[in-house]
Amino acid sequence: MKLFLNLLLPIINYTVLGLATYFLVQSSLKILKPVKNKILKIIPYVLFFNSLGIQSWIGDENPFIILPFYILVFLICYKGDFLPKLVTALLFYILITPINMLIDTIFSRYLNDYFIGAFLYSQFILSIKATVFIIISLVLYRFIKDKNIKLPKNLWYLLFGLLIGPFFVIVGFTRFGVGDLLYPSSSLKSHLFNEESYSIIEFITLRLSFIIIPFVIISAISIFIAMIILSKQEELKEMENINNMKELYYEGIKNEQKSIRLIKHDMNNYLLTMENMLENNKVEETKEFLKSLTSSSSFNKTRQITRNEVINAILDIKINTMEDYNIEFDYEISTSESIEISDIDLSALLGNALDNAIEATVKALDKKIVFRLKVEKGLFMLKIENPIGEKPIVKENSFLSTKRNSSNHGFGLTSIREIVSKYKGNMDINMENNKFILVIIIPLNS
């Protein structure tokens, strides 16, 4: 029986650990993209497989020694910026390491290998680890398998801040923290402790670690859940921006079709007029009529305001809206054909800013919006000035909508602020001389 267990247990243990390793690596690939090198793609499997089975006791140096390997593997074997790779490495480290520390310490302290032998004893502990890790890896993979984690830099900083506390708790329970209390040298033990006081200190230290370390594991799981939720929120915001862009596009199509119908309606009259002129041999007059007709605004409904297609489309639509409300639009634009801001973000930024300005101006007596946009010297600079129709409500340095259904509004400035933050820009809002002034400056890569 003992021989059978000696052969069977290692096979089961390493198979289960291998499966746990697979699910953990697959989960990491939902957060970060792997490099193309085939050898480097294998290294994360080696890291996870070894870290799941490594012996790590509370007060030992092993939990700390494995940390550089986590960071190095994630930096080398995955694509992307330094911060997401560091955060992901710490997250997996904080999830896996305390589980090893708890299991190894509890069984080494309270389970004797006398009856089953050292080999079966080590395989029994490994079985416990394999069971715990396969459950955690399967649950994690189930939650993250349909997701592709995409977070802006500010949220990666937030996650990094949340990981600092659990990380230092782990360090505190290694050799560099409570290690000397659990494993004092003989000289330290003889000078500072007697046998009774050492037993009390050891007892208290272990009990504290058994209480605190599970919270580190819970923290790591909670941060994984927070990462998934935050990514979902960012996805919803991006979808909302895409929908806003689609609305602008369809609004533009509607305006174009309306213009075409008007032209078709007028064309019949134009043709009848020219037919009458030609029947009366008024050739020169007909030529002049055609010349004036083709140069009229009826044949040039789409404005060519700027070389950038996105800005041009948004301004064309918003100018039509302003004309409907008899709002004067004073604009000056100096920009290149392409800007290093995504079309979705650019349309959301300008669309929301102009919507807010139009909404306020409709209610004001002075119906004029001043719009200045300049892109030069690596800066995107926007200034929009509009009259204040109703004094906005200011709460916690934010402007709230005065509309009755204000729960559906106020997203405009929030969306603008998030886009500006995404590109590490600055946004300034002022009210002076009964005018609302929005100023945005965004540094561009070039």
Protein backbone atom coordinates (compact mmCIF):
# COMPACT_ATOMS: atom_id res chain seq x y z
CA MET A 1 0.00 0.00 0.00
CA LYS A 2 2.78 2.37 0.97
CA LEU A 3 4.65 1.58 -2.26
CA PHE A 4 1.46 2.15 -4.25
CA LEU A 5 0.99 5.56 -2.63
CA ASN A 6 4.66 6.42 -3.23
CA LEU A 7 4.10 5.87 -6.97
CA LEU A 8 0.55 7.22 -7.36
CA LEU A 9 0.58 10.39 -5.23
CA PRO A 10 3.40 12.19 -7.12
CA ILE A 11 1.68 11.50 -10.47
CA ILE A 12 -1.65 12.88 -9.21
CA ASN A 13 -0.03 15.85 -7.47
CA TYR A 14 2.07 17.01 -10.41
CA THR A 15 -0.81 16.48 -12.85
CA VAL A 16 -3.12 18.65 -10.74
CA LEU A 17 -0.38 21.29 -10.25
CA GLY A 18 0.20 21.24 -14.01
CA LEU A 19 -3.49 21.94 -14.63
CA ALA A 20 -3.48 24.73 -12.03
CA THR A 21 -0.41 26.17 -13.75
CA TYR A 22 -2.18 26.11 -17.12
CA PHE A 23 -5.25 27.95 -15.80
CA LEU A 24 -3.11 30.56 -14.00
CA VAL A 25 -1.07 31.28 -17.13
CA GLN A 26 -4.23 31.49 -19.24
CA SER A 27 -5.66 33.93 -16.70
CA SER A 28 -2.51 36.05 -16.93
CA LEU A 29 -2.91 36.14 -20.73
CA LYS A 30 -6.29 37.85 -20.27
CA ILE A 31 -4.45 40.69 -18.52
CA LEU A 32 -1.22 40.87 -20.54
CA LYS A 33 -0.25 39.77 -24.05
CA PRO A 34 2.66 37.31 -24.43
CA VAL A 35 5.75 38.04 -26.47
CA LYS A 36 6.15 36.20 -29.79
CA ASN A 37 9.26 34.24 -28.81
CA LYS A 38 8.22 30.58 -28.28
CA ILE A 39 10.80 29.92 -25.56
CA LEU A 40 9.74 32.98 -23.58
CA LYS A 41 6.11 31.81 -23.83
CA ILE A 42 7.07 28.63 -21.91
CA ILE A 43 8.82 30.42 -19.03
CA PRO A 44 5.60 31.58 -17.24
CA TYR A 45 4.51 27.93 -17.06
CA VAL A 46 7.83 27.04 -15.43
CA LEU A 47 7.49 29.93 -12.96
CA PHE A 48 3.95 29.06 -11.87
CA PHE A 49 4.59 25.30 -11.68
CA ASN A 50 7.61 25.78 -9.42
CA SER A 51 6.08 28.53 -7.30
CA LEU A 52 2.97 26.41 -6.62
CA GLY A 53 5.04 23.55 -5.21
CA ILE A 54 7.87 25.44 -3.49
CA GLN A 55 8.20 25.08 0.26
CA SER A 56 7.67 28.43 1.97
CA TRP A 57 7.28 28.71 5.72
CA ILE A 58 6.25 31.70 7.79
CA GLY A 59 9.47 33.35 8.96
CA ASP A 60 11.45 31.74 6.11
CA GLU A 61 13.38 33.57 3.35
CA ASN A 62 11.88 31.52 0.49
CA PRO A 63 8.71 33.67 0.10
CA PHE A 64 10.88 36.73 -0.49
CA ILE A 65 13.49 35.01 -2.66
CA ILE A 66 10.89 33.98 -5.27
CA LEU A 67 9.62 37.59 -5.74
CA PRO A 68 12.38 38.74 -8.19
CA PHE A 69 11.61 35.73 -10.40
CA TYR A 70 7.95 36.79 -10.65
CA ILE A 71 8.88 40.35 -11.61
CA LEU A 72 11.59 39.27 -14.06
CA VAL A 73 9.39 36.71 -15.84
CA PHE A 74 6.47 39.13 -16.23
CA LEU A 75 8.76 41.91 -17.49
CA ILE A 76 10.47 39.68 -20.06
CA CYS A 77 7.72 37.30 -21.18
CA TYR A 78 4.80 39.70 -21.60
CA LYS A 79 4.22 42.75 -23.79
CA GLY A 80 3.13 46.18 -22.61
CA ASP A 81 4.16 48.95 -20.26
CA PHE A 82 6.20 48.41 -17.11
CA LEU A 83 3.41 49.29 -14.63
CA PRO A 84 0.75 46.74 -15.78
CA LYS A 85 3.39 44.00 -15.85
CA LEU A 86 4.65 44.89 -12.35
CA VAL A 87 1.11 45.03 -10.93
CA THR A 88 0.17 41.67 -12.49
CA ALA A 89 3.37 40.04 -11.20
CA LEU A 90 2.72 41.31 -7.67
CA LEU A 91 -0.93 40.25 -7.84
CA PHE A 92 -0.13 36.61 -8.68
CA TYR A 93 2.74 36.61 -6.16
CA ILE A 94 0.44 37.88 -3.39
CA LEU A 95 -2.20 35.29 -4.30
CA ILE A 96 0.09 32.24 -4.42
CA THR A 97 2.83 32.89 -1.84
CA PRO A 98 0.71 33.24 1.35
CA ILE A 99 -1.17 30.01 0.54
CA ASN A 100 2.16 28.16 0.42
CA MET A 101 3.28 29.85 3.65
CA LEU A 102 0.13 28.85 5.53
CA ILE A 103 -0.04 25.24 4.35
CA ASP A 104 3.67 24.50 4.85
CA THR A 105 3.79 26.13 8.29
CA ILE A 106 0.62 24.53 9.64
CA PHE A 107 1.61 21.00 8.58
CA SER A 108 5.29 21.31 9.52
CA ARG A 109 4.35 22.56 12.99
CA TYR A 110 1.40 20.34 13.78
CA LEU A 111 1.72 17.17 11.67
CA ASN A 112 4.42 14.62 12.41
CA ASP A 113 5.97 12.54 9.59
CA TYR A 114 6.91 9.71 11.96
CA PHE A 115 4.12 7.31 10.93
CA ILE A 116 4.09 7.84 7.14
CA GLY A 117 7.71 8.70 6.34
CA ALA A 118 9.28 11.87 4.98
CA PHE A 119 8.42 11.23 1.30
CA LEU A 120 4.72 10.50 1.80
CA TYR A 121 4.57 13.37 4.29
CA SER A 122 5.87 15.84 1.65
CA GLN A 123 3.53 14.38 -0.98
CA PHE A 124 0.57 14.70 1.39
CA ILE A 125 1.32 18.43 1.90
CA LEU A 126 1.72 18.78 -1.88
CA SER A 127 -1.71 17.17 -2.33
CA ILE A 128 -3.26 19.81 -0.07
CA LYS A 129 -1.55 22.57 -2.07
CA ALA A 130 -2.58 21.03 -5.40
CA THR A 131 -6.22 20.85 -4.26
CA VAL A 132 -6.27 24.47 -3.07
CA PHE A 133 -4.50 25.82 -6.16
CA ILE A 134 -6.63 23.92 -8.69
CA ILE A 135 -9.80 25.31 -7.04
CA ILE A 136 -8.46 28.90 -6.99
CA SER A 137 -7.07 28.73 -10.55
CA LEU A 138 -10.32 27.27 -11.94
CA VAL A 139 -12.48 29.91 -10.21
CA LEU A 140 -10.17 32.72 -11.37
CA TYR A 141 -10.07 31.42 -14.95
CA ARG A 142 -13.85 31.02 -15.02
CA PHE A 143 -14.34 34.66 -14.04
CA ILE A 144 -11.68 36.08 -16.35
CA LYS A 145 -11.78 33.78 -19.41
CA ASP A 146 -14.32 35.88 -21.35
CA LYS A 147 -12.64 39.16 -20.44
CA ASN A 148 -9.73 41.09 -21.90
CA ILE A 149 -8.49 43.39 -19.17
CA LYS A 150 -7.89 46.92 -20.45
CA LEU A 151 -7.27 49.67 -17.93
CA PRO A 152 -5.99 53.25 -18.21
CA LYS A 153 -2.76 54.11 -16.44
CA ASN A 154 -4.43 55.86 -13.50
CA LEU A 155 -6.31 52.65 -12.60
CA TRP A 156 -3.09 50.61 -12.81
CA TYR A 157 -1.61 53.07 -10.29
CA LEU A 158 -4.67 52.53 -8.09
CA LEU A 159 -4.23 48.73 -8.19
CA PHE A 160 -0.52 49.13 -7.43
CA GLY A 161 -1.42 51.20 -4.36
CA LEU A 162 -3.87 48.53 -3.20
CA LEU A 163 -1.17 45.84 -3.52
CA ILE A 164 1.46 47.64 -1.40
CA GLY A 165 -0.21 46.77 1.92
CA PRO A 166 -0.58 42.99 1.30
CA PHE A 167 2.93 42.87 -0.16
CA PHE A 168 4.54 44.31 2.99
CA VAL A 169 2.46 41.97 5.15
CA ILE A 170 4.06 39.04 3.29
CA VAL A 171 7.52 40.59 3.70
CA GLY A 172 6.77 41.09 7.40
CA PHE A 173 6.13 37.38 7.81
CA THR A 174 9.35 36.31 6.07
CA ARG A 175 12.88 36.05 7.43
CA PHE A 176 13.15 39.83 7.13
CA GLY A 177 10.25 40.33 9.55
CA VAL A 178 9.26 37.77 12.16
CA GLY A 179 11.96 35.32 11.13
CA ASP A 180 14.17 35.98 14.15
CA LEU A 181 11.22 35.41 16.46
CA LEU A 182 10.41 32.00 14.98
CA TYR A 183 13.89 30.84 14.05
CA PRO A 184 16.33 32.71 16.32
CA SER A 185 20.00 31.88 16.21
CA SER A 186 21.37 29.98 19.21
CA SER A 187 23.22 33.07 20.47
CA LEU A 188 20.14 35.27 20.14
CA LYS A 189 17.99 32.64 21.77
CA SER A 190 20.32 32.27 24.73
CA HIS A 191 20.74 36.04 25.25
CA LEU A 192 17.17 37.27 24.74
CA PHE A 193 14.91 34.31 25.42
CA ASN A 194 14.54 31.59 27.94
CA GLU A 195 12.68 28.47 26.84
CA GLU A 196 9.35 29.57 28.32
CA SER A 197 9.38 33.13 26.89
CA TYR A 198 10.46 31.82 23.47
CA SER A 199 7.51 29.39 23.41
CA ILE A 200 5.09 32.21 24.25
CA ILE A 201 6.54 34.52 21.57
CA GLU A 202 6.48 31.72 18.99
CA PHE A 203 2.87 30.88 19.89
CA ILE A 204 1.69 34.50 19.60
CA THR A 205 3.60 35.11 16.33
CA LEU A 206 2.15 32.01 14.68
CA ARG A 207 -1.39 32.76 15.84
CA LEU A 208 -1.15 36.32 14.50
CA SER A 209 0.18 35.05 11.18
CA PHE A 210 -2.67 32.51 10.90
CA ILE A 211 -5.14 35.36 11.41
CA ILE A 212 -3.50 38.02 9.20
CA ILE A 213 -2.19 36.01 6.22
CA PRO A 214 -5.65 34.72 5.13
CA PHE A 215 -6.66 38.38 4.76
CA VAL A 216 -3.75 38.83 2.32
CA ILE A 217 -5.17 36.01 0.19
CA ILE A 218 -8.65 37.56 0.39
CA SER A 219 -7.14 40.94 -0.60
CA ALA A 220 -5.49 39.41 -3.68
CA ILE A 221 -8.78 37.78 -4.74
CA SER A 222 -10.64 41.07 -4.11
CA ILE A 223 -8.13 42.99 -6.24
CA PHE A 224 -8.61 40.47 -9.06
CA ILE A 225 -12.37 41.05 -8.84
CA ALA A 226 -11.84 44.84 -8.74
CA MET A 227 -9.64 44.59 -11.84
CA ILE A 228 -12.37 42.73 -13.73
CA ILE A 229 -15.08 45.20 -12.63
CA LEU A 230 -12.96 48.26 -13.48
CA SER A 231 -12.14 46.78 -16.89
CA LYS A 232 -15.84 46.19 -17.52
CA GLN A 233 -16.56 49.82 -16.57
CA GLU A 234 -13.90 51.04 -19.00
CA GLU A 235 -15.39 48.81 -21.70
CA LEU A 236 -18.85 50.30 -21.08
CA LYS A 237 -17.44 53.85 -21.29
CA GLU A 238 -15.70 53.01 -24.56
CA MET A 239 -18.92 51.51 -25.94
CA GLU A 240 -20.80 54.65 -24.89
CA ASN A 241 -18.25 56.78 -26.72
CA ILE A 242 -18.59 54.54 -29.79
CA ASN A 243 -22.38 54.88 -29.62
CA ASN A 244 -22.02 58.67 -29.35
CA MET A 245 -19.81 58.60 -32.44
CA LYS A 246 -22.38 56.46 -34.27
CA GLU A 247 -25.11 58.94 -33.32
CA LEU A 248 -23.02 61.77 -34.75
CA TYR A 249 -22.47 59.72 -37.91
CA TYR A 250 -26.18 58.93 -38.35
CA GLU A 251 -27.12 62.52 -37.56
CA GLY A 252 -24.73 63.60 -40.30
CA ILE A 253 -26.32 61.14 -42.75
CA LYS A 254 -29.80 62.44 -41.83
CA ASN A 255 -28.68 66.01 -42.49
CA GLU A 256 -27.16 65.00 -45.82
CA GLN A 257 -30.34 63.18 -46.88
CA LYS A 258 -32.42 66.17 -45.83
CA SER A 259 -30.19 68.39 -47.98
CA ILE A 260 -30.53 66.01 -50.94
CA ARG A 261 -34.33 66.02 -50.65
CA LEU A 262 -34.32 69.83 -50.60
CA ILE A 263 -32.07 69.94 -53.66
CA LYS A 264 -34.30 67.43 -55.50
CA HIS A 265 -37.35 69.48 -54.59
CA ASP A 266 -35.74 72.68 -55.89
CA MET A 267 -34.14 71.04 -58.93
CA ASN A 268 -37.44 70.67 -60.74
CA ASN A 269 -38.01 74.42 -60.49
CA TYR A 270 -34.46 75.12 -61.63
CA LEU A 271 -34.85 72.88 -64.68
CA LEU A 272 -38.18 74.44 -65.62
CA THR A 273 -36.63 77.91 -65.35
CA MET A 274 -33.68 76.94 -67.59
CA GLU A 275 -36.01 75.24 -70.08
CA ASN A 276 -38.05 78.43 -70.35
CA MET A 277 -34.91 80.54 -70.79
CA LEU A 278 -33.56 78.29 -73.55
CA GLU A 279 -36.93 78.27 -75.36
CA ASN A 280 -36.63 82.05 -75.47
CA ASN A 281 -33.02 81.76 -76.77
CA LYS A 282 -31.56 83.32 -73.63
CA VAL A 283 -28.34 81.28 -73.80
CA GLU A 284 -26.10 83.72 -71.92
CA GLU A 285 -28.68 84.21 -69.21
CA THR A 286 -28.96 80.43 -68.87
CA LYS A 287 -25.19 80.13 -68.50
CA GLU A 288 -25.17 82.78 -65.77
CA PHE A 289 -28.06 81.05 -64.03
CA LEU A 290 -26.16 77.73 -64.10
CA LYS A 291 -23.01 79.40 -62.82
CA SER A 292 -24.79 81.01 -59.89
CA LEU A 293 -26.66 77.80 -59.17
CA THR A 294 -23.57 75.57 -58.94
CA SER A 295 -21.77 78.07 -56.70
CA SER A 296 -24.71 78.45 -54.30
CA SER A 297 -24.74 76.97 -50.80
CA SER A 298 -27.46 74.50 -51.86
CA PHE A 299 -24.79 72.49 -53.69
CA ASN A 300 -22.26 72.79 -50.89
CA LYS A 301 -24.15 71.66 -47.82
CA THR A 302 -21.20 69.90 -46.18
CA ARG A 303 -18.81 72.45 -44.71
CA GLN A 304 -15.09 71.96 -45.12
CA ILE A 305 -14.00 73.59 -41.88
CA THR A 306 -10.76 71.73 -41.24
CA ARG A 307 -8.61 69.01 -42.81
CA ASN A 308 -9.32 66.60 -39.94
CA GLU A 309 -12.36 64.50 -40.93
CA VAL A 310 -13.54 63.75 -37.38
CA ILE A 311 -13.42 67.41 -36.28
CA ASN A 312 -15.02 68.44 -39.57
CA ALA A 313 -17.91 65.98 -39.18
CA ILE A 314 -18.63 66.94 -35.57
CA LEU A 315 -18.50 70.69 -36.22
CA ASP A 316 -20.68 70.35 -39.33
CA ILE A 317 -23.38 68.57 -37.30
CA LYS A 318 -23.15 70.90 -34.31
CA ILE A 319 -23.24 74.03 -36.52
CA ASN A 320 -26.48 72.74 -38.04
CA THR A 321 -27.89 72.36 -34.51
CA MET A 322 -26.74 75.89 -33.63
CA GLU A 323 -28.40 77.29 -36.73
CA ASP A 324 -31.66 75.67 -35.66
CA TYR A 325 -31.43 77.62 -32.37
CA ASN A 326 -30.10 80.83 -34.00
CA ILE A 327 -26.81 80.53 -32.11
CA GLU A 328 -23.82 82.45 -33.50
CA PHE A 329 -20.71 80.28 -33.76
CA ASP A 330 -17.39 82.14 -33.68
CA TYR A 331 -14.65 79.64 -34.45
CA GLU A 332 -10.93 79.58 -35.24
CA ILE A 333 -9.26 76.26 -35.96
CA SER A 334 -5.67 75.39 -36.77
CA THR A 335 -5.03 71.67 -36.89
CA SER A 336 -3.38 68.95 -38.94
CA GLU A 337 -5.10 66.19 -40.90
CA SER A 338 -4.39 63.62 -38.17
CA ILE A 339 -4.17 64.05 -34.39
CA GLU A 340 -2.71 61.56 -31.92
CA ILE A 341 -6.03 61.21 -30.11
CA SER A 342 -8.25 58.31 -31.14
CA ASP A 343 -11.28 59.16 -33.30
CA ILE A 344 -13.63 57.83 -30.61
CA ASP A 345 -12.05 59.94 -27.85
CA LEU A 346 -11.81 63.02 -30.09
CA SER A 347 -15.47 62.81 -31.12
CA ALA A 348 -16.58 62.23 -27.50
CA LEU A 349 -14.44 65.15 -26.29
CA LEU A 350 -15.64 67.71 -28.86
CA GLY A 351 -19.19 66.35 -29.06
CA ASN A 352 -19.80 66.50 -25.30
CA ALA A 353 -18.11 69.90 -24.95
CA LEU A 354 -20.23 71.44 -27.73
CA ASP A 355 -23.42 69.75 -26.50
CA ASN A 356 -22.89 71.32 -23.07
CA ALA A 357 -22.22 74.73 -24.66
CA ILE A 358 -25.32 74.51 -26.89
CA GLU A 359 -27.52 73.37 -23.99
CA ALA A 360 -26.46 76.38 -21.89
CA THR A 361 -26.64 78.91 -24.75
CA VAL A 362 -30.19 77.94 -25.75
CA LYS A 363 -31.36 79.24 -22.35
CA ALA A 364 -29.27 82.45 -22.52
CA LEU A 365 -30.06 85.82 -24.04
CA ASP A 366 -26.60 86.19 -25.61
CA LYS A 367 -26.67 83.36 -28.15
CA LYS A 368 -23.01 83.10 -29.08
CA ILE A 369 -20.43 80.31 -28.67
CA VAL A 370 -16.72 81.02 -29.07
CA PHE A 371 -14.66 78.00 -30.19
CA ARG A 372 -10.86 77.98 -30.48
CA LEU A 373 -8.90 74.85 -31.42
CA LYS A 374 -5.19 74.77 -32.13
CA VAL A 375 -2.75 71.89 -32.54
CA GLU A 376 0.88 72.94 -32.59
CA LYS A 377 4.21 72.29 -30.85
CA GLY A 378 2.98 68.91 -29.62
CA LEU A 379 -0.08 70.34 -27.86
CA PHE A 380 -3.82 69.97 -28.46
CA MET A 381 -5.37 73.22 -27.18
CA LEU A 382 -9.12 73.76 -26.96
CA LYS A 383 -11.10 76.68 -25.55
CA ILE A 384 -14.90 76.90 -25.60
CA GLU A 385 -16.72 79.93 -24.22
CA ASN A 386 -20.49 80.15 -23.89
CA PRO A 387 -23.00 82.26 -21.93
CA ILE A 388 -24.55 80.87 -18.76
CA GLY A 389 -28.28 80.34 -19.26
CA GLU A 390 -28.97 78.95 -15.79
CA LYS A 391 -26.45 79.11 -13.01
CA PRO A 392 -25.04 75.58 -12.66
CA ILE A 393 -25.01 73.77 -9.31
CA VAL A 394 -21.48 73.38 -7.95
CA LYS A 395 -20.83 70.36 -5.75
CA GLU A 396 -17.38 69.12 -4.72
CA ASN A 397 -15.69 71.19 -7.45
CA SER A 398 -17.98 69.66 -10.10
CA PHE A 399 -20.76 71.29 -12.12
CA LEU A 400 -24.11 69.50 -12.00
CA SER A 401 -26.83 69.70 -14.63
CA THR A 402 -29.86 71.88 -13.88
CA LYS A 403 -32.13 69.62 -15.96
CA ARG A 404 -34.95 67.79 -14.23
CA ASN A 405 -33.66 64.44 -15.45
CA SER A 406 -30.16 65.32 -14.31
CA SER A 407 -29.36 61.68 -13.56
CA ASN A 408 -29.11 61.21 -17.33
CA HIS A 409 -26.92 64.28 -17.71
CA GLY A 410 -23.65 65.44 -16.25
CA PHE A 411 -21.93 62.56 -18.06
CA GLY A 412 -20.58 65.14 -20.53
CA LEU A 413 -18.05 66.83 -18.25
CA THR A 414 -17.21 63.52 -16.55
CA SER A 415 -16.50 61.92 -19.92
CA ILE A 416 -14.40 64.92 -21.00
CA ARG A 417 -12.42 64.84 -17.75
CA GLU A 418 -11.69 61.11 -18.12
CA ILE A 419 -10.52 61.50 -21.73
CA VAL A 420 -8.24 64.41 -20.74
CA SER A 421 -6.85 62.34 -17.86
CA LYS A 422 -6.30 59.36 -20.18
CA TYR A 423 -3.98 61.47 -22.35
CA LYS A 424 -2.32 63.12 -19.30
CA GLY A 425 -3.75 66.52 -20.15
CA ASN A 426 -5.16 69.39 -18.11
CA MET A 427 -8.73 70.64 -17.96
CA ASP A 428 -9.74 73.98 -16.49
CA ILE A 429 -13.29 75.31 -15.98
CA ASN A 430 -14.05 78.93 -15.07
CA MET A 431 -17.11 81.16 -14.75
CA GLU A 432 -16.55 84.89 -15.26
CA ASN A 433 -18.61 87.77 -16.64
CA ASN A 434 -21.63 85.46 -16.87
CA LYS A 435 -19.70 83.14 -19.20
CA PHE A 436 -18.69 79.50 -18.87
CA ILE A 437 -15.13 78.87 -20.11
CA LEU A 438 -13.70 75.40 -20.75
CA VAL A 439 -9.96 75.11 -21.48
CA ILE A 440 -8.30 71.78 -22.36
CA ILE A 441 -4.61 71.17 -23.07
CA ILE A 442 -3.43 67.69 -24.05
CA PRO A 443 0.22 66.84 -24.81
CA LEU A 444 0.64 64.81 -27.99
CA ASN A 445 3.35 62.19 -28.55
CA SER A 446 4.84 63.99 -31.50
